[in-house]
Amino acid sequence: MTGLLNRRAFYEEELPRRVSRLERSGQTSALFYIDMDNFKRVNDAHGHQAGDDAILYLRDMLLKFSRPGDLIARLGGDEFAMWLDGIDEETVRRRAQQLIATSKEMRSMSGDDDHPLGISVGVAFFDPVTGEHLNDLLARSDAAMYAVKKRSKGGFEMAPPPGVKPDADALKF
């Protein structure tokens, strides 16, 4: 439906290739793990076509915030991932803030006013000099996204660097 990579192609084919290339070049990247907030209520209140429209809206938004050569995947249901090559941490933070600000436009598609449609984003910065395994990078971005969901939804969190425990107060945005 979206024309994006699926979970298998993203995790098993594209990311390992990208990480290998970055290990040789020394460039940094970022993995954005994106989950729609209150998506089920859209389907329940407005039907599956409205849910499909919301998914396509998010796809278009992610394409807007990516560059040719970056990767975007629909991991399943209402979960997406975006991999941005050759990006520094400051740009990663700005991009995440822009995503959250733009996602506010999704509220008009909400299932009800008390549960606005939006996104929660977990971001893990990848620096090949750390030697971090891809599975650990994925776990960091996923944990950061779930921290946003648990806290309040509709925001983003930068995962701490590899081997550093999260400081819940320092990471809130």
Protein backbone atom coordinates (compact mmCIF):
# COMPACT_ATOMS: atom_id res chain seq x y z
CA MET A 1 0.00 0.00 0.00
CA THR A 2 2.74 2.50 0.90
CA GLY A 3 5.40 1.49 -1.61
CA LEU A 4 7.95 1.59 1.22
CA LEU A 5 10.36 -1.13 2.29
CA ASN A 6 8.88 -3.77 4.58
CA ARG A 7 10.35 -4.94 7.89
CA ARG A 8 12.38 -7.79 6.39
CA ALA A 9 13.87 -5.74 3.56
CA PHE A 10 14.71 -2.90 5.94
CA TYR A 11 16.25 -4.90 8.80
CA GLU A 12 17.74 -7.88 6.98
CA GLU A 13 18.86 -6.41 3.68
CA GLU A 14 19.25 -2.64 3.65
CA LEU A 15 20.46 -1.79 7.16
CA PRO A 16 23.27 -4.36 7.30
CA ARG A 17 24.55 -3.04 3.94
CA ARG A 18 24.37 0.54 5.16
CA VAL A 19 26.11 -0.20 8.44
CA SER A 20 28.94 -2.03 6.65
CA ARG A 21 29.45 0.92 4.32
CA LEU A 22 29.40 3.40 7.22
CA GLU A 23 31.95 1.33 9.13
CA ARG A 24 34.29 1.76 6.16
CA SER A 25 33.57 5.46 5.59
CA GLY A 26 33.29 6.52 9.24
CA GLN A 27 30.11 8.53 8.59
CA THR A 28 27.36 8.78 11.17
CA SER A 29 23.64 8.04 10.75
CA ALA A 30 20.42 8.01 12.70
CA LEU A 31 17.61 5.51 13.08
CA PHE A 32 14.17 7.00 13.74
CA TYR A 33 11.58 4.55 15.09
CA ILE A 34 8.11 6.05 14.56
CA ASP A 35 4.82 4.78 15.95
CA MET A 36 1.42 6.37 15.39
CA ASP A 37 -0.41 7.41 18.55
CA ASN A 38 -4.08 6.45 18.89
CA PHE A 39 -4.23 4.93 15.41
CA LYS A 40 -6.72 2.18 16.33
CA ARG A 41 -9.29 4.82 17.26
CA VAL A 42 -9.10 6.23 13.72
CA ASN A 43 -10.07 2.84 12.26
CA ASP A 44 -12.74 2.31 14.91
CA ALA A 45 -14.36 5.72 14.48
CA HIS A 46 -13.92 6.40 10.77
CA GLY A 47 -13.24 3.03 9.13
CA HIS A 48 -10.25 1.39 7.55
CA GLN A 49 -10.10 3.74 4.57
CA ALA A 50 -9.53 6.63 6.99
CA GLY A 51 -6.82 4.54 8.67
CA ASP A 52 -5.19 3.90 5.30
CA ASP A 53 -5.34 7.63 4.54
CA ALA A 54 -3.59 8.37 7.86
CA ILE A 55 -0.86 5.84 7.07
CA LEU A 56 -0.34 7.39 3.64
CA TYR A 57 -0.23 10.85 5.20
CA LEU A 58 2.54 9.72 7.54
CA ARG A 59 4.39 8.10 4.64
CA ASP A 60 4.28 11.38 2.72
CA MET A 61 5.44 13.29 5.78
CA LEU A 62 8.42 10.96 6.26
CA LEU A 63 9.34 11.27 2.59
CA LYS A 64 9.27 15.05 2.98
CA PHE A 65 11.78 14.83 5.85
CA SER A 66 14.15 12.47 4.07
CA ARG A 67 16.60 12.84 1.22
CA PRO A 68 17.22 10.69 -1.83
CA GLY A 69 19.20 7.69 -0.62
CA ASP A 70 17.73 7.67 2.89
CA LEU A 71 15.61 4.67 3.85
CA ILE A 72 12.00 4.63 4.98
CA ALA A 73 10.12 1.47 5.87
CA ARG A 74 6.71 0.51 7.10
CA LEU A 75 7.54 -2.09 9.69
CA GLY A 76 3.94 -3.20 10.06
CA GLY A 77 0.62 -1.74 11.13
CA ASP A 78 1.30 1.80 12.28
CA GLU A 79 5.07 1.47 12.87
CA PHE A 80 7.63 3.05 10.58
CA ALA A 81 11.40 3.50 10.51
CA MET A 82 13.58 6.09 8.87
CA TRP A 83 17.35 5.77 8.40
CA LEU A 84 19.25 8.96 7.59
CA ASP A 85 22.84 8.58 6.39
CA GLY A 86 25.59 11.13 6.90
CA ILE A 87 23.77 13.22 9.48
CA ASP A 88 25.09 14.85 12.66
CA GLU A 89 23.41 14.85 16.06
CA GLU A 90 22.27 18.48 15.91
CA THR A 91 20.54 17.90 12.56
CA VAL A 92 18.97 14.72 13.97
CA ARG A 93 17.42 16.69 16.83
CA ARG A 94 16.13 19.39 14.49
CA ARG A 95 14.64 16.79 12.15
CA ALA A 96 12.89 15.03 15.05
CA GLN A 97 11.48 18.35 16.31
CA GLN A 98 10.23 19.16 12.81
CA LEU A 99 8.59 15.74 12.51
CA ILE A 100 6.74 16.21 15.79
CA ALA A 101 5.64 19.74 14.88
CA THR A 102 4.39 18.63 11.46
CA SER A 103 2.63 15.58 12.90
CA LYS A 104 0.25 17.92 14.77
CA GLU A 105 -1.53 18.29 11.41
CA MET A 106 -2.64 14.66 11.80
CA ARG A 107 -5.01 15.64 14.62
CA SER A 108 -7.76 16.40 12.11
CA MET A 109 -7.84 12.66 11.32
CA SER A 110 -8.21 11.60 14.98
CA GLY A 111 -10.78 9.08 16.11
CA ASP A 112 -11.89 11.46 18.87
CA ASP A 113 -10.75 14.71 20.47
CA ASP A 114 -9.50 13.05 23.66
CA HIS A 115 -7.10 10.77 21.76
CA PRO A 116 -5.39 12.82 19.05
CA LEU A 117 -3.68 11.05 16.18
CA GLY A 118 0.02 11.80 16.18
CA ILE A 119 3.40 10.14 16.40
CA SER A 120 5.94 9.11 19.00
CA VAL A 121 9.54 8.92 17.83
CA GLY A 122 12.60 7.24 19.28
CA VAL A 123 15.93 8.16 17.73
CA ALA A 124 19.23 6.34 18.02
CA PHE A 125 22.33 8.06 16.66
CA PHE A 126 24.79 5.67 15.01
CA ASP A 127 28.52 6.31 15.09
CA PRO A 128 30.49 3.44 13.58
CA VAL A 129 33.52 4.09 15.80
CA THR A 130 31.55 2.71 18.79
CA GLY A 131 31.42 -0.78 17.27
CA GLU A 132 27.75 -1.01 18.20
CA HIS A 133 25.92 -4.04 16.83
CA LEU A 134 22.89 -3.33 14.65
CA ASN A 135 20.58 -5.20 17.04
CA ASP A 136 21.66 -2.92 19.89
CA LEU A 137 21.02 0.16 17.76
CA LEU A 138 17.54 -1.11 16.95
CA ALA A 139 16.86 -1.82 20.63
CA ARG A 140 17.97 1.70 21.62
CA SER A 141 15.67 3.40 19.12
CA ASP A 142 12.76 1.14 20.08
CA ALA A 143 13.28 1.77 23.81
CA ALA A 144 13.42 5.53 23.24
CA MET A 145 10.14 5.43 21.32
CA TYR A 146 8.43 3.39 24.04
CA ALA A 147 9.70 5.85 26.66
CA VAL A 148 7.83 8.60 24.79
CA LYS A 149 4.69 6.43 24.64
CA LYS A 150 4.88 5.71 28.36
CA ARG A 151 5.48 9.33 29.27
CA SER A 152 2.77 11.09 27.27
CA LYS A 153 2.92 10.34 23.52
CA GLY A 154 3.37 12.92 20.80
CA GLY A 155 7.06 13.63 21.25
CA PHE A 156 10.52 12.29 20.61
CA GLU A 157 13.39 11.02 22.63
CA MET A 158 17.04 10.62 21.75
CA ALA A 159 18.37 7.28 22.93
CA PRO A 160 21.46 7.53 25.10
CA PRO A 161 24.74 6.49 23.47
CA PRO A 162 25.63 2.79 23.49
CA GLY A 163 26.38 1.53 26.99
CA VAL A 164 24.86 4.55 28.77
CA LYS A 165 21.74 4.11 30.89
CA PRO A 166 18.93 6.56 30.11
CA ASP A 167 18.47 9.55 32.39
CA ALA A 168 14.70 10.01 32.22
CA ASP A 169 14.75 13.73 33.07
CA ALA A 170 17.58 14.69 30.72
CA LEU A 171 16.00 13.13 27.63
CA LYS A 172 12.54 14.67 27.70
CA PHE A 173 11.50 16.86 24.76
